[in-house]
């Protein structure tokens, strides 16, 4: 997938534009599964491709290369055996099978040869159109062609809603606790709020029974999350 790498925990999007890296992670846990995480990653990648297009071919052609010795992109000099500049050349790659090149001989034109080569290079660049082609998928995305099937998008879960690996209840924030081996235990609903501590409520197995205590804890957890999300807005 263009711009998207598969990771054990989800998907990683990375696209570079003009030396700037656009990067974001989409975890399976944060979006409720692999399918939703991938959809979100594809949506974000597509948004970057559309909003931050690659440079134009002309802009790239005007970048000075490391091996350029004249100080002008696309303008080169030819040296004689004696180490003198024999000619100035303007050269531009327009496309497959089309390369523009004009030589200006110093013996015929004198000092004007360099200026003429620079002017010719500018004329050649006017023939260069379009954007730099980075990947076939980019053009399809910019044209609005669907690269993945439409489907409902799930909102990103808060950290409080993510079920941790060590969770044994199957519900984030709901845990079974036993103070000691002889204690019947209780189900605990707990929600942490940044900078505000936590809210918790326990439901005794002895009082409610195991299954009912768990259901009550799950319901309490839902209430806690609703209150937390309301406070965060």
C-alpha atoms as a PDB file:
ATOM      1  CA  UNK A   1       0.000   0.000   0.000  1.00  0.00           C
ATOM      2  CA  UNK A   2       1.412   3.341  -1.022  1.00  0.00           C
ATOM      3  CA  UNK A   3       2.678   5.343   1.953  1.00  0.00           C
ATOM      4  CA  UNK A   4       1.329   2.836   4.490  1.00  0.00           C
ATOM      5  CA  UNK A   5       3.383   0.273   6.398  1.00  0.00           C
ATOM      6  CA  UNK A   6       1.832  -2.633   8.283  1.00  0.00           C
ATOM      7  CA  UNK A   7       2.944  -2.915  11.903  1.00  0.00           C
ATOM      8  CA  UNK A   8       2.061  -5.507  14.563  1.00  0.00           C
ATOM      9  CA  UNK A   9      -0.026  -2.890  16.375  1.00  0.00           C
ATOM     10  CA  UNK A  10      -1.668  -1.322  13.313  1.00  0.00           C
ATOM     11  CA  UNK A  11      -0.578   0.926  10.445  1.00  0.00           C
ATOM     12  CA  UNK A  12       1.993   3.656   9.958  1.00  0.00           C
ATOM     13  CA  UNK A  13       1.635   6.383   7.322  1.00  0.00           C
ATOM     14  CA  UNK A  14       4.714   8.240   6.094  1.00  0.00           C
ATOM     15  CA  UNK A  15       4.873  10.593   3.098  1.00  0.00           C
ATOM     16  CA  UNK A  16       7.694  13.055   2.383  1.00  0.00           C
ATOM     17  CA  UNK A  17       7.007  16.344   0.613  1.00  0.00           C
ATOM     18  CA  UNK A  18       9.763  18.849  -0.132  1.00  0.00           C
ATOM     19  CA  UNK A  19      11.875  17.486   2.691  1.00  0.00           C
ATOM     20  CA  UNK A  20       8.991  17.479   5.198  1.00  0.00           C
ATOM     21  CA  UNK A  21       7.824  14.134   6.547  1.00  0.00           C
ATOM     22  CA  UNK A  22       4.084  13.720   7.155  1.00  0.00           C
ATOM     23  CA  UNK A  23       3.713  10.890   9.638  1.00  0.00           C
ATOM     24  CA  UNK A  24       0.951   9.360  11.746  1.00  0.00           C
ATOM     25  CA  UNK A  25       0.165   6.049  13.428  1.00  0.00           C
ATOM     26  CA  UNK A  26      -3.183   4.257  13.433  1.00  0.00           C
ATOM     27  CA  UNK A  27      -3.420   1.546  16.067  1.00  0.00           C
ATOM     28  CA  UNK A  28      -5.885  -1.314  15.868  1.00  0.00           C
ATOM     29  CA  UNK A  29      -6.764  -0.836  19.531  1.00  0.00           C
ATOM     30  CA  UNK A  30      -7.499   2.863  18.998  1.00  0.00           C
ATOM     31  CA  UNK A  31     -10.047   2.195  16.252  1.00  0.00           C
ATOM     32  CA  UNK A  32     -11.590  -1.062  17.384  1.00  0.00           C
ATOM     33  CA  UNK A  33      -9.847  -3.390  14.962  1.00  0.00           C
ATOM     34  CA  UNK A  34      -7.623  -3.775  11.934  1.00  0.00           C
ATOM     35  CA  UNK A  35     -10.227  -2.860   9.300  1.00  0.00           C
ATOM     36  CA  UNK A  36     -11.082   0.499  10.859  1.00  0.00           C
ATOM     37  CA  UNK A  37      -7.439   1.345  11.539  1.00  0.00           C
ATOM     38  CA  UNK A  38      -6.608   0.712   7.877  1.00  0.00           C
ATOM     39  CA  UNK A  39      -9.522   2.848   6.649  1.00  0.00           C
ATOM     40  CA  UNK A  40      -8.421   5.715   8.870  1.00  0.00           C
ATOM     41  CA  UNK A  41      -4.814   5.376   7.671  1.00  0.00           C
ATOM     42  CA  UNK A  42      -5.923   5.413   4.033  1.00  0.00           C
ATOM     43  CA  UNK A  43      -8.140   8.458   4.602  1.00  0.00           C
ATOM     44  CA  UNK A  44      -5.295  10.394   6.209  1.00  0.00           C
ATOM     45  CA  UNK A  45      -2.835   9.404   3.489  1.00  0.00           C
ATOM     46  CA  UNK A  46      -5.285  10.471   0.784  1.00  0.00           C
ATOM     47  CA  UNK A  47      -5.833  13.826   2.503  1.00  0.00           C
ATOM     48  CA  UNK A  48      -2.085  14.479   2.558  1.00  0.00           C
ATOM     49  CA  UNK A  49      -1.689  13.509  -1.102  1.00  0.00           C
ATOM     50  CA  UNK A  50      -4.508  15.880  -2.133  1.00  0.00           C
ATOM     51  CA  UNK A  51      -3.577  18.820   0.085  1.00  0.00           C
ATOM     52  CA  UNK A  52       0.217  18.660  -0.272  1.00  0.00           C
ATOM     53  CA  UNK A  53       0.975  17.857  -3.923  1.00  0.00           C
ATOM     54  CA  UNK A  54       4.501  17.049  -5.081  1.00  0.00           C
ATOM     55  CA  UNK A  55       6.557  19.834  -6.685  1.00  0.00           C
ATOM     56  CA  UNK A  56       6.150  20.636 -10.344  1.00  0.00           C
ATOM     57  CA  UNK A  57       8.570  19.060 -12.781  1.00  0.00           C
ATOM     58  CA  UNK A  58       9.884  22.527 -13.558  1.00  0.00           C
ATOM     59  CA  UNK A  59      10.604  23.216  -9.881  1.00  0.00           C
ATOM     60  CA  UNK A  60      12.542  19.984  -9.585  1.00  0.00           C
ATOM     61  CA  UNK A  61      14.472  20.701 -12.788  1.00  0.00           C
ATOM     62  CA  UNK A  62      15.593  24.019 -11.317  1.00  0.00           C
ATOM     63  CA  UNK A  63      17.214  22.426  -8.274  1.00  0.00           C
ATOM     64  CA  UNK A  64      20.982  22.652  -8.399  1.00  0.00           C
ATOM     65  CA  UNK A  65      22.576  19.210  -8.409  1.00  0.00           C
ATOM     66  CA  UNK A  66      25.679  18.334  -6.429  1.00  0.00           C
ATOM     67  CA  UNK A  67      27.696  17.628  -9.586  1.00  0.00           C
ATOM     68  CA  UNK A  68      26.817  20.944 -11.238  1.00  0.00           C
ATOM     69  CA  UNK A  69      29.921  23.093 -11.656  1.00  0.00           C
ATOM     70  CA  UNK A  70      28.415  26.137 -13.390  1.00  0.00           C
ATOM     71  CA  UNK A  71      26.038  27.335 -10.664  1.00  0.00           C
ATOM     72  CA  UNK A  72      23.053  27.211 -13.054  1.00  0.00           C
ATOM     73  CA  UNK A  73      20.830  24.083 -13.216  1.00  0.00           C
ATOM     74  CA  UNK A  74      20.728  22.577 -16.699  1.00  0.00           C
ATOM     75  CA  UNK A  75      23.648  24.648 -17.966  1.00  0.00           C
ATOM     76  CA  UNK A  76      26.998  22.934 -18.505  1.00  0.00           C
ATOM     77  CA  UNK A  77      30.348  23.823 -19.996  1.00  0.00           C
ATOM     78  CA  UNK A  78      32.513  21.719 -22.241  1.00  0.00           C
ATOM     79  CA  UNK A  79      36.232  21.961 -21.672  1.00  0.00           C
ATOM     80  CA  UNK A  80      38.963  21.779 -24.280  1.00  0.00           C
ATOM     81  CA  UNK A  81      42.057  19.604 -23.900  1.00  0.00           C
ATOM     82  CA  UNK A  82      43.893  22.684 -22.679  1.00  0.00           C
ATOM     83  CA  UNK A  83      41.436  23.281 -19.839  1.00  0.00           C
ATOM     84  CA  UNK A  84      39.607  26.180 -21.486  1.00  0.00           C
ATOM     85  CA  UNK A  85      35.828  26.467 -21.833  1.00  0.00           C
ATOM     86  CA  UNK A  86      35.078  25.375 -25.388  1.00  0.00           C
ATOM     87  CA  UNK A  87      31.288  25.694 -25.285  1.00  0.00           C
ATOM     88  CA  UNK A  88      28.299  26.323 -23.027  1.00  0.00           C
ATOM     89  CA  UNK A  89      25.383  23.924 -23.249  1.00  0.00           C
ATOM     90  CA  UNK A  90      21.708  24.154 -22.200  1.00  0.00           C
ATOM     91  CA  UNK A  91      20.118  20.750 -21.669  1.00  0.00           C
ATOM     92  CA  UNK A  92      16.655  19.755 -20.396  1.00  0.00           C
ATOM     93  CA  UNK A  93      14.947  16.386 -20.122  1.00  0.00           C
ATOM     94  CA  UNK A  94      11.334  16.988 -21.186  1.00  0.00           C
ATOM     95  CA  UNK A  95      10.044  13.434 -21.266  1.00  0.00           C
ATOM     96  CA  UNK A  96      10.556   9.946 -22.577  1.00  0.00           C
ATOM     97  CA  UNK A  97      12.613  10.248 -25.755  1.00  0.00           C
ATOM     98  CA  UNK A  98      12.612  14.067 -25.708  1.00  0.00           C
ATOM     99  CA  UNK A  99      15.746  15.849 -24.557  1.00  0.00           C
ATOM    100  CA  UNK A 100      16.385  19.457 -25.543  1.00  0.00           C
ATOM    101  CA  UNK A 101      20.006  20.468 -26.030  1.00  0.00           C
ATOM    102  CA  UNK A 102      21.668  23.498 -27.553  1.00  0.00           C
ATOM    103  CA  UNK A 103      25.418  24.220 -27.636  1.00  0.00           C
ATOM    104  CA  UNK A 104      26.923  27.711 -27.767  1.00  0.00           C
ATOM    105  CA  UNK A 105      30.509  27.705 -29.026  1.00  0.00           C
ATOM    106  CA  UNK A 106      32.802  30.188 -27.305  1.00  0.00           C
ATOM    107  CA  UNK A 107      35.019  30.635 -30.393  1.00  0.00           C
ATOM    108  CA  UNK A 108      31.993  31.903 -32.328  1.00  0.00           C
ATOM    109  CA  UNK A 109      30.116  33.792 -29.607  1.00  0.00           C
ATOM    110  CA  UNK A 110      32.764  34.839 -27.122  1.00  0.00           C
ATOM    111  CA  UNK A 111      31.642  35.810 -23.623  1.00  0.00           C
ATOM    112  CA  UNK A 112      28.001  35.891 -24.766  1.00  0.00           C
ATOM    113  CA  UNK A 113      27.958  32.075 -25.037  1.00  0.00           C
ATOM    114  CA  UNK A 114      27.252  31.571 -21.324  1.00  0.00           C
ATOM    115  CA  UNK A 115      24.417  34.116 -21.198  1.00  0.00           C
ATOM    116  CA  UNK A 116      22.869  32.600 -24.317  1.00  0.00           C
ATOM    117  CA  UNK A 117      22.989  29.124 -22.764  1.00  0.00           C
ATOM    118  CA  UNK A 118      21.263  30.393 -19.614  1.00  0.00           C
ATOM    119  CA  UNK A 119      18.566  32.105 -21.674  1.00  0.00           C
ATOM    120  CA  UNK A 120      18.058  28.965 -23.760  1.00  0.00           C
ATOM    121  CA  UNK A 121      17.677  26.887 -20.611  1.00  0.00           C
ATOM    122  CA  UNK A 122      14.853  29.186 -19.468  1.00  0.00           C
ATOM    123  CA  UNK A 123      13.098  28.696 -22.807  1.00  0.00           C
ATOM    124  CA  UNK A 124      13.492  24.940 -22.516  1.00  0.00           C
ATOM    125  CA  UNK A 125      11.925  24.953 -19.049  1.00  0.00           C
ATOM    126  CA  UNK A 126       8.792  26.573 -20.481  1.00  0.00           C
ATOM    127  CA  UNK A 127       8.183  23.293 -22.312  1.00  0.00           C
ATOM    128  CA  UNK A 128       8.110  21.355 -19.058  1.00  0.00           C
ATOM    129  CA  UNK A 129       4.606  20.800 -17.657  1.00  0.00           C
ATOM    130  CA  UNK A 130       2.928  18.865 -14.855  1.00  0.00           C
ATOM    131  CA  UNK A 131       3.863  17.540 -11.446  1.00  0.00           C
ATOM    132  CA  UNK A 132       6.663  15.221 -10.473  1.00  0.00           C
ATOM    133  CA  UNK A 133       5.414  11.635 -10.656  1.00  0.00           C
ATOM    134  CA  UNK A 134       6.169   9.870  -7.386  1.00  0.00           C
ATOM    135  CA  UNK A 135       3.884   6.840  -7.500  1.00  0.00           C
ATOM    136  CA  UNK A 136       1.013   5.713  -9.779  1.00  0.00           C
ATOM    137  CA  UNK A 137      -1.352   5.648  -6.793  1.00  0.00           C
ATOM    138  CA  UNK A 138      -0.889   9.374  -6.190  1.00  0.00           C
ATOM    139  CA  UNK A 139      -2.435  10.410  -9.476  1.00  0.00           C
ATOM    140  CA  UNK A 140      -5.461   8.178  -8.849  1.00  0.00           C
ATOM    141  CA  UNK A 141      -5.911   9.660  -5.371  1.00  0.00           C
ATOM    142  CA  UNK A 142      -5.670  13.250  -6.629  1.00  0.00           C
ATOM    143  CA  UNK A 143      -8.215  12.463  -9.354  1.00  0.00           C
ATOM    144  CA  UNK A 144     -10.654  11.273  -6.695  1.00  0.00           C
ATOM    145  CA  UNK A 145     -10.625   7.643  -7.756  1.00  0.00           C
ATOM    146  CA  UNK A 146     -11.504   5.386  -4.816  1.00  0.00           C
ATOM    147  CA  UNK A 147      -8.564   3.321  -3.638  1.00  0.00           C
ATOM    148  CA  UNK A 148     -10.533   1.533  -0.927  1.00  0.00           C
ATOM    149  CA  UNK A 149     -14.143   0.554  -0.416  1.00  0.00           C
ATOM    150  CA  UNK A 150     -16.437   3.098   1.286  1.00  0.00           C
ATOM    151  CA  UNK A 151     -17.478   2.104   4.782  1.00  0.00           C
ATOM    152  CA  UNK A 152     -18.575   3.765   8.038  1.00  0.00           C
ATOM    153  CA  UNK A 153     -15.709   5.280   9.996  1.00  0.00           C
ATOM    154  CA  UNK A 154     -15.348   4.636  13.714  1.00  0.00           C
ATOM    155  CA  UNK A 155     -14.250   7.508  15.921  1.00  0.00           C
ATOM    156  CA  UNK A 156     -10.877   7.153  17.555  1.00  0.00           C
ATOM    157  CA  UNK A 157     -11.126   5.718  21.023  1.00  0.00           C
ATOM    158  CA  UNK A 158      -9.717   7.569  23.983  1.00  0.00           C
ATOM    159  CA  UNK A 159      -7.078   5.821  26.059  1.00  0.00           C
ATOM    160  CA  UNK A 160      -9.761   5.103  28.641  1.00  0.00           C
ATOM    161  CA  UNK A 161     -11.742   3.097  26.079  1.00  0.00           C
ATOM    162  CA  UNK A 162      -8.903   0.863  24.908  1.00  0.00           C
ATOM    163  CA  UNK A 163      -8.946  -2.669  26.302  1.00  0.00           C
ATOM    164  CA  UNK A 164      -5.477  -3.531  27.590  1.00  0.00           C
ATOM    165  CA  UNK A 165      -3.756  -6.844  26.964  1.00  0.00           C
ATOM    166  CA  UNK A 166      -3.874  -7.788  30.642  1.00  0.00           C
ATOM    167  CA  UNK A 167      -7.614  -7.156  30.855  1.00  0.00           C
ATOM    168  CA  UNK A 168      -9.534 -10.360  31.663  1.00  0.00           C
ATOM    169  CA  UNK A 169     -13.086  -9.005  31.562  1.00  0.00           C
ATOM    170  CA  UNK A 170     -13.171  -8.069  27.889  1.00  0.00           C
ATOM    171  CA  UNK A 171     -14.288  -4.545  28.822  1.00  0.00           C
ATOM    172  CA  UNK A 172     -11.879  -1.660  29.271  1.00  0.00           C
ATOM    173  CA  UNK A 173     -11.855  -0.307  32.827  1.00  0.00           C
ATOM    174  CA  UNK A 174     -13.686  -3.299  34.326  1.00  0.00           C
ATOM    175  CA  UNK A 175     -11.672  -5.650  36.532  1.00  0.00           C
ATOM    176  CA  UNK A 176     -12.316  -8.546  38.879  1.00  0.00           C
ATOM    177  CA  UNK A 177     -10.605  -8.180  42.259  1.00  0.00           C
ATOM    178  CA  UNK A 178     -10.084 -10.583  45.152  1.00  0.00           C
ATOM    179  CA  UNK A 179      -8.411  -9.144  48.279  1.00  0.00           C
ATOM    180  CA  UNK A 180      -7.464 -12.666  49.420  1.00  0.00           C
ATOM    181  CA  UNK A 181      -8.024 -16.301  48.518  1.00  0.00           C
ATOM    182  CA  UNK A 182     -11.058 -16.677  50.801  1.00  0.00           C
ATOM    183  CA  UNK A 183     -12.782 -13.497  49.617  1.00  0.00           C
ATOM    184  CA  UNK A 184     -15.572 -13.999  47.019  1.00  0.00           C
ATOM    185  CA  UNK A 185     -14.290 -10.937  45.178  1.00  0.00           C
ATOM    186  CA  UNK A 186     -15.894  -7.986  43.465  1.00  0.00           C
ATOM    187  CA  UNK A 187     -16.109  -6.375  40.045  1.00  0.00           C
ATOM    188  CA  UNK A 188     -14.608  -2.900  39.832  1.00  0.00           C
ATOM    189  CA  UNK A 189     -15.401  -0.143  37.335  1.00  0.00           C
ATOM    190  CA  UNK A 190     -12.683   2.504  37.240  1.00  0.00           C
ATOM    191  CA  UNK A 191     -11.969   5.484  34.991  1.00  0.00           C
ATOM    192  CA  UNK A 192      -8.894   7.702  35.123  1.00  0.00           C
ATOM    193  CA  UNK A 193      -9.006  11.364  34.208  1.00  0.00           C
ATOM    194  CA  UNK A 194      -5.815  13.277  33.485  1.00  0.00           C
ATOM    195  CA  UNK A 195      -5.066  15.650  36.327  1.00  0.00           C
ATOM    196  CA  UNK A 196      -8.214  14.677  38.237  1.00  0.00           C
ATOM    197  CA  UNK A 197      -7.419  11.243  39.635  1.00  0.00           C
ATOM    198  CA  UNK A 198      -9.930   8.458  39.164  1.00  0.00           C
ATOM    199  CA  UNK A 199     -13.569   7.515  39.672  1.00  0.00           C
ATOM    200  CA  UNK A 200     -14.383   3.957  40.733  1.00  0.00           C
ATOM    201  CA  UNK A 201     -17.202   1.812  42.037  1.00  0.00           C
ATOM    202  CA  UNK A 202     -17.167  -1.813  43.208  1.00  0.00           C
ATOM    203  CA  UNK A 203     -19.922  -4.444  43.008  1.00  0.00           C
ATOM    204  CA  UNK A 204     -19.714  -7.334  45.440  1.00  0.00           C
ATOM    205  CA  UNK A 205     -20.027 -10.871  44.123  1.00  0.00           C
ATOM    206  CA  UNK A 206     -21.406 -11.951  47.497  1.00  0.00           C
ATOM    207  CA  UNK A 207     -24.195  -9.378  47.272  1.00  0.00           C
ATOM    208  CA  UNK A 208     -25.056  -9.516  43.558  1.00  0.00           C
ATOM    209  CA  UNK A 209     -23.664 -12.800  42.308  1.00  0.00           C
ATOM    210  CA  UNK A 210     -20.757 -13.067  39.885  1.00  0.00           C
ATOM    211  CA  UNK A 211     -22.568 -12.383  36.608  1.00  0.00           C
ATOM    212  CA  UNK A 212     -24.802  -9.599  37.921  1.00  0.00           C
ATOM    213  CA  UNK A 213     -21.877  -7.872  39.637  1.00  0.00           C
ATOM    214  CA  UNK A 214     -19.985  -7.917  36.352  1.00  0.00           C
ATOM    215  CA  UNK A 215     -22.946  -6.505  34.419  1.00  0.00           C
ATOM    216  CA  UNK A 216     -23.372  -3.741  36.989  1.00  0.00           C
ATOM    217  CA  UNK A 217     -19.677  -2.884  36.737  1.00  0.00           C
ATOM    218  CA  UNK A 218     -19.885  -2.724  32.936  1.00  0.00           C
ATOM    219  CA  UNK A 219     -22.906  -0.411  33.135  1.00  0.00           C
ATOM    220  CA  UNK A 220     -21.133   1.768  35.697  1.00  0.00           C
ATOM    221  CA  UNK A 221     -18.074   1.956  33.482  1.00  0.00           C
ATOM    222  CA  UNK A 222     -20.236   3.174  30.588  1.00  0.00           C
ATOM    223  CA  UNK A 223     -21.668   5.900  32.844  1.00  0.00           C
ATOM    224  CA  UNK A 224     -18.188   6.931  33.949  1.00  0.00           C
ATOM    225  CA  UNK A 225     -16.991   7.201  30.357  1.00  0.00           C
ATOM    226  CA  UNK A 226     -20.028   9.248  29.357  1.00  0.00           C
ATOM    227  CA  UNK A 227     -19.358  11.648  32.227  1.00  0.00           C
ATOM    228  CA  UNK A 228     -15.662  11.848  31.346  1.00  0.00           C
ATOM    229  CA  UNK A 229     -16.341  12.578  27.681  1.00  0.00           C
ATOM    230  CA  UNK A 230     -18.868  15.230  28.693  1.00  0.00           C
ATOM    231  CA  UNK A 231     -16.269  16.951  30.877  1.00  0.00           C
ATOM    232  CA  UNK A 232     -13.652  16.843  28.111  1.00  0.00           C
ATOM    233  CA  UNK A 233     -15.856  18.708  25.627  1.00  0.00           C
END
